Structures are given as C-alpha cells and as structure tokens.
N, C-alpha and C. Protein backbone atom coordinates (compact mmCIF):
# COMPACT_ATOMS: atom_id res chain seq x y z
N UNK A 1 -12.14 -1.24 -7.97
CA UNK A 1 -12.33 -0.32 -6.89
C UNK A 1 -13.81 -0.12 -6.59
N UNK A 2 -14.66 -0.35 -7.55
CA UNK A 2 -16.09 -0.19 -7.32
C UNK A 2 -16.58 -1.07 -6.18
N UNK A 3 -16.03 -2.27 -6.05
CA UNK A 3 -16.45 -3.18 -4.99
C UNK A 3 -16.25 -2.54 -3.62
N UNK A 4 -15.21 -1.74 -3.48
CA UNK A 4 -14.86 -1.15 -2.19
C UNK A 4 -15.53 0.20 -1.95
N UNK A 5 -16.30 0.70 -2.91
CA UNK A 5 -16.96 2.01 -2.74
C UNK A 5 -17.76 2.04 -1.45
N UNK A 6 -17.63 3.13 -0.73
CA UNK A 6 -18.33 3.35 0.54
C UNK A 6 -17.93 2.37 1.64
N UNK A 7 -16.80 1.70 1.48
CA UNK A 7 -16.29 0.80 2.50
C UNK A 7 -15.02 1.41 3.08
N UNK A 8 -14.37 0.70 3.94
CA UNK A 8 -13.19 1.22 4.62
C UNK A 8 -12.08 1.66 3.67
N UNK A 9 -11.36 2.66 4.08
CA UNK A 9 -10.17 3.19 3.41
C UNK A 9 -10.46 3.96 2.13
N UNK A 10 -11.69 4.11 1.74
CA UNK A 10 -11.95 4.83 0.49
C UNK A 10 -12.94 5.97 0.64
N UNK A 11 -13.36 6.25 1.86
CA UNK A 11 -14.31 7.35 2.05
C UNK A 11 -13.57 8.68 1.89
N UNK A 12 -14.27 9.72 1.53
CA UNK A 12 -13.62 11.03 1.41
C UNK A 12 -12.92 11.46 2.70
N UNK A 13 -13.51 11.15 3.83
CA UNK A 13 -12.89 11.52 5.11
C UNK A 13 -11.56 10.81 5.33
N UNK A 14 -11.52 9.52 5.02
CA UNK A 14 -10.28 8.76 5.19
C UNK A 14 -9.21 9.23 4.22
N UNK A 15 -9.61 9.50 3.00
CA UNK A 15 -8.65 10.01 2.01
C UNK A 15 -8.10 11.37 2.43
N UNK A 16 -8.97 12.22 3.00
CA UNK A 16 -8.53 13.54 3.46
C UNK A 16 -7.53 13.41 4.61
N UNK A 17 -7.79 12.49 5.53
CA UNK A 17 -6.86 12.27 6.65
C UNK A 17 -5.51 11.78 6.15
N UNK A 18 -5.51 10.87 5.18
CA UNK A 18 -4.25 10.39 4.62
C UNK A 18 -3.53 11.53 3.92
N UNK A 19 -4.26 12.32 3.17
CA UNK A 19 -3.67 13.46 2.46
C UNK A 19 -3.04 14.44 3.45
N UNK A 20 -3.62 14.57 4.63
CA UNK A 20 -3.06 15.46 5.64
C UNK A 20 -1.65 15.04 6.04
N UNK A 21 -1.39 13.74 6.10
CA UNK A 21 -0.03 13.26 6.38
C UNK A 21 0.92 13.69 5.26
N UNK A 22 0.49 13.53 4.02
CA UNK A 22 1.33 13.92 2.89
C UNK A 22 1.55 15.43 2.89
N UNK A 23 0.49 16.19 3.17
CA UNK A 23 0.60 17.65 3.22
C UNK A 23 1.52 18.11 4.35
N UNK A 24 1.63 17.32 5.40
CA UNK A 24 2.51 17.64 6.52
C UNK A 24 3.98 17.33 6.21
N UNK A 25 4.24 16.76 5.04
CA UNK A 25 5.61 16.52 4.63
C UNK A 25 6.06 15.07 4.63
N UNK A 26 5.19 14.17 5.08
CA UNK A 26 5.55 12.76 5.05
C UNK A 26 5.49 12.24 3.61
N UNK A 27 6.40 11.36 3.27
CA UNK A 27 6.47 10.80 1.92
C UNK A 27 5.93 9.38 1.91
N UNK A 28 5.16 9.08 0.89
CA UNK A 28 4.67 7.72 0.65
C UNK A 28 5.78 7.03 -0.15
N UNK A 29 6.73 6.41 0.56
CA UNK A 29 7.94 5.91 -0.09
C UNK A 29 7.68 4.73 -1.03
N UNK A 30 6.65 3.96 -0.78
CA UNK A 30 6.34 2.86 -1.70
C UNK A 30 5.88 3.44 -3.04
N UNK A 31 5.00 4.42 -3.00
CA UNK A 31 4.50 5.02 -4.23
C UNK A 31 5.64 5.68 -5.01
N UNK A 32 6.59 6.28 -4.31
CA UNK A 32 7.72 6.91 -4.99
C UNK A 32 8.57 5.90 -5.75
N UNK A 33 8.65 4.68 -5.24
CA UNK A 33 9.51 3.66 -5.86
C UNK A 33 8.74 2.66 -6.71
N UNK A 34 7.43 2.62 -6.60
CA UNK A 34 6.62 1.71 -7.41
C UNK A 34 5.39 2.46 -7.91
N UNK A 35 5.59 3.37 -8.87
CA UNK A 35 4.45 4.13 -9.39
C UNK A 35 3.57 3.27 -10.29
N UNK A 36 2.43 3.79 -10.60
CA UNK A 36 1.54 3.11 -11.54
C UNK A 36 0.40 2.40 -10.85
N UNK A 37 -0.49 1.85 -11.65
CA UNK A 37 -1.67 1.16 -11.11
C UNK A 37 -1.34 -0.25 -10.61
N UNK A 38 -2.24 -0.81 -9.85
CA UNK A 38 -2.12 -2.20 -9.42
C UNK A 38 -1.14 -2.46 -8.30
N UNK A 39 -0.77 -1.43 -7.56
CA UNK A 39 0.16 -1.57 -6.44
C UNK A 39 -0.66 -1.79 -5.18
N UNK A 40 -1.03 -3.04 -4.93
CA UNK A 40 -1.93 -3.36 -3.83
C UNK A 40 -1.20 -4.10 -2.70
N UNK A 41 -1.77 -3.99 -1.49
CA UNK A 41 -1.24 -4.73 -0.34
C UNK A 41 -2.28 -5.65 0.27
N UNK A 42 -3.51 -5.56 -0.16
CA UNK A 42 -4.61 -6.33 0.44
C UNK A 42 -5.54 -6.83 -0.66
N UNK A 43 -5.96 -8.11 -0.51
CA UNK A 43 -6.93 -8.72 -1.42
C UNK A 43 -7.92 -9.51 -0.60
N UNK A 44 -9.19 -9.30 -0.82
CA UNK A 44 -10.26 -9.98 -0.08
C UNK A 44 -10.31 -11.45 -0.48
N UNK A 45 -10.15 -12.34 0.51
CA UNK A 45 -10.23 -13.78 0.25
C UNK A 45 -11.62 -14.20 -0.19
N UNK A 46 -12.64 -13.65 0.46
CA UNK A 46 -14.01 -14.13 0.20
C UNK A 46 -14.47 -13.86 -1.22
N UNK A 47 -13.88 -12.89 -1.86
CA UNK A 47 -14.25 -12.56 -3.24
C UNK A 47 -13.20 -13.01 -4.25
N UNK A 48 -12.19 -13.76 -3.79
CA UNK A 48 -11.11 -14.24 -4.66
C UNK A 48 -10.47 -13.10 -5.45
N UNK A 49 -10.19 -12.02 -4.77
CA UNK A 49 -9.67 -10.81 -5.43
C UNK A 49 -8.21 -10.95 -5.87
N UNK A 50 -7.40 -11.76 -5.18
CA UNK A 50 -5.98 -11.85 -5.54
C UNK A 50 -5.79 -12.38 -6.96
N UNK A 51 -6.38 -13.52 -7.33
CA UNK A 51 -6.16 -13.99 -8.71
C UNK A 51 -6.76 -13.06 -9.76
N UNK A 52 -7.73 -12.26 -9.35
CA UNK A 52 -8.35 -11.30 -10.28
C UNK A 52 -7.58 -9.98 -10.34
N UNK A 53 -6.54 -9.87 -9.50
CA UNK A 53 -5.75 -8.63 -9.42
C UNK A 53 -6.61 -7.43 -9.05
N UNK A 54 -7.55 -7.67 -8.11
CA UNK A 54 -8.44 -6.61 -7.64
C UNK A 54 -8.20 -6.42 -6.15
N UNK A 55 -7.38 -5.48 -5.80
CA UNK A 55 -7.03 -5.27 -4.41
C UNK A 55 -7.12 -3.82 -4.00
N UNK A 56 -6.57 -3.57 -2.83
CA UNK A 56 -6.49 -2.23 -2.28
C UNK A 56 -5.10 -2.05 -1.68
N UNK A 57 -4.64 -0.83 -1.67
CA UNK A 57 -3.38 -0.55 -0.97
C UNK A 57 -3.76 0.12 0.33
N UNK A 58 -3.75 -0.67 1.41
CA UNK A 58 -4.15 -0.14 2.71
C UNK A 58 -3.03 -0.26 3.75
N UNK A 59 -1.87 -0.71 3.32
CA UNK A 59 -0.69 -0.79 4.19
C UNK A 59 0.35 0.16 3.60
N UNK A 60 0.79 1.10 4.39
CA UNK A 60 1.64 2.16 3.87
C UNK A 60 2.94 2.26 4.65
N UNK A 61 3.94 2.85 4.01
CA UNK A 61 5.19 3.21 4.66
C UNK A 61 5.39 4.70 4.40
N UNK A 62 5.10 5.49 5.41
CA UNK A 62 5.28 6.94 5.32
C UNK A 62 6.56 7.30 6.05
N UNK A 63 7.28 8.27 5.52
CA UNK A 63 8.56 8.65 6.13
C UNK A 63 8.71 10.17 6.16
N UNK A 64 9.39 10.64 7.18
CA UNK A 64 9.75 12.05 7.26
C UNK A 64 10.69 12.37 6.10
N UNK A 65 10.86 13.64 5.76
CA UNK A 65 11.79 13.97 4.68
C UNK A 65 13.20 13.41 4.91
N UNK A 66 13.69 13.48 6.14
CA UNK A 66 15.04 12.97 6.43
C UNK A 66 15.13 11.47 6.21
N UNK A 67 14.13 10.74 6.68
CA UNK A 67 14.14 9.29 6.49
C UNK A 67 13.89 8.93 5.02
N UNK A 68 12.99 9.64 4.37
CA UNK A 68 12.70 9.36 2.95
C UNK A 68 13.94 9.52 2.09
N UNK A 69 14.82 10.43 2.47
CA UNK A 69 16.06 10.63 1.71
C UNK A 69 16.97 9.42 1.80
N UNK A 70 16.79 8.59 2.80
CA UNK A 70 17.61 7.38 2.96
C UNK A 70 17.02 6.16 2.27
N UNK A 71 15.82 6.27 1.73
CA UNK A 71 15.16 5.13 1.09
C UNK A 71 15.82 4.87 -0.26
N UNK A 72 16.30 3.64 -0.44
CA UNK A 72 16.93 3.25 -1.70
C UNK A 72 16.02 2.37 -2.55
N UNK A 73 14.96 1.89 -1.95
CA UNK A 73 14.00 1.05 -2.68
C UNK A 73 12.81 0.74 -1.80
N UNK A 74 11.69 0.48 -2.44
CA UNK A 74 10.48 0.10 -1.70
C UNK A 74 9.59 -0.71 -2.64
N UNK A 75 8.93 -1.71 -2.08
CA UNK A 75 8.09 -2.57 -2.91
C UNK A 75 7.08 -3.32 -2.05
N UNK A 76 6.20 -4.03 -2.72
CA UNK A 76 5.23 -4.89 -2.06
C UNK A 76 5.52 -6.32 -2.52
N UNK A 77 5.69 -7.20 -1.58
CA UNK A 77 6.08 -8.58 -1.88
C UNK A 77 4.85 -9.46 -2.13
N UNK A 78 4.38 -9.46 -3.37
CA UNK A 78 3.21 -10.26 -3.75
C UNK A 78 3.45 -11.76 -3.59
N UNK A 79 4.68 -12.20 -3.72
CA UNK A 79 4.98 -13.63 -3.62
C UNK A 79 4.59 -14.19 -2.25
N UNK A 80 4.76 -13.38 -1.21
CA UNK A 80 4.39 -13.82 0.14
C UNK A 80 2.88 -14.00 0.29
N UNK A 81 2.14 -13.38 -0.57
CA UNK A 81 0.67 -13.46 -0.51
C UNK A 81 0.15 -14.73 -1.17
N UNK A 82 0.97 -15.35 -1.99
CA UNK A 82 0.56 -16.55 -2.72
C UNK A 82 0.66 -17.77 -1.82
N UNK A 83 -0.10 -18.79 -2.16
CA UNK A 83 0.01 -20.06 -1.44
C UNK A 83 -1.01 -20.23 -0.34
N UNK A 84 -1.13 -21.46 0.10
CA UNK A 84 -2.10 -21.83 1.13
C UNK A 84 -1.70 -21.23 2.48
N UNK A 85 -2.68 -20.67 3.16
CA UNK A 85 -2.46 -20.14 4.49
C UNK A 85 -1.84 -18.75 4.55
N UNK A 86 -1.68 -18.12 3.41
CA UNK A 86 -1.08 -16.78 3.39
C UNK A 86 -2.05 -15.75 3.94
N UNK A 87 -1.50 -14.67 4.43
CA UNK A 87 -2.31 -13.55 4.90
C UNK A 87 -3.03 -12.91 3.72
N UNK A 88 -4.07 -12.14 4.01
CA UNK A 88 -4.73 -11.39 2.95
C UNK A 88 -4.00 -10.08 2.66
N UNK A 89 -2.91 -9.82 3.39
CA UNK A 89 -2.05 -8.66 3.16
C UNK A 89 -0.69 -9.14 2.68
N UNK A 90 -0.04 -8.31 1.86
CA UNK A 90 1.33 -8.59 1.43
C UNK A 90 2.29 -7.68 2.19
N UNK A 91 3.49 -8.15 2.49
CA UNK A 91 4.45 -7.31 3.20
C UNK A 91 4.87 -6.10 2.37
N UNK A 92 5.05 -5.00 3.05
CA UNK A 92 5.59 -3.78 2.46
C UNK A 92 7.07 -3.74 2.83
N UNK A 93 7.93 -3.66 1.83
CA UNK A 93 9.38 -3.69 2.05
C UNK A 93 9.99 -2.33 1.75
N UNK A 94 10.85 -1.86 2.63
CA UNK A 94 11.54 -0.58 2.43
C UNK A 94 13.02 -0.80 2.71
N UNK A 95 13.86 -0.43 1.76
CA UNK A 95 15.31 -0.52 1.91
C UNK A 95 15.86 0.86 2.25
N UNK A 96 16.73 0.90 3.28
CA UNK A 96 17.31 2.16 3.73
C UNK A 96 18.83 2.14 3.60
N UNK A 97 19.39 3.27 3.18
CA UNK A 97 20.84 3.42 3.18
C UNK A 97 21.30 3.71 4.60
N UNK A 98 22.55 3.35 4.89
CA UNK A 98 23.11 3.62 6.23
C UNK A 98 23.20 5.10 6.50
C-alpha cells in the first residue's frame, strides 16, 4: 500500500467520501462475503504488482439494505486477471437470490 500513498483512491478525502456511502446505509457486499486482507481488484502492470500480490481494491459493489439482503455470495475473479492481454482489473462478481 505504500506504493499508492498520496495517489488515487487512498487520500483521506476519497476515503471519507466512500465512508459516507457506508454511513448512508449502503453495504460493501464483496467485503461482507470475502473478509480479510489481499482482496484486490486492480494491479498495476508497469510495476508487475499482480505476481507480487500488491494491488488495490478500487472496484466496488455497494448495495442498499434491501438488495444486500438478497446477496448470496460475492467475490473477485482473479483468474480472469491472469494471462496475456488481461485487463489490469479483475471482475467483481455478486450472486443474488430471486
């Protein structure tokens, strides 16, 4: 995380704005279903961050309380990030009950 200090998505202002969504009642459904460290959605290609497992989580799935209650699973698909020509972001997957 030191590499990203004072860069996008980690400034106090950006963190405060994100926290405002959570304080308003929106749920970070990926975090609820995949707790712990190392839950990233972005890895810088120029610094070879993916093989070093040094990333950032900058792609989110926020849900209202009603929608969050329907979430049965959520994850980040790291496999899609592997291989030649892959995006520097991994897909965020959310499963919903009917």
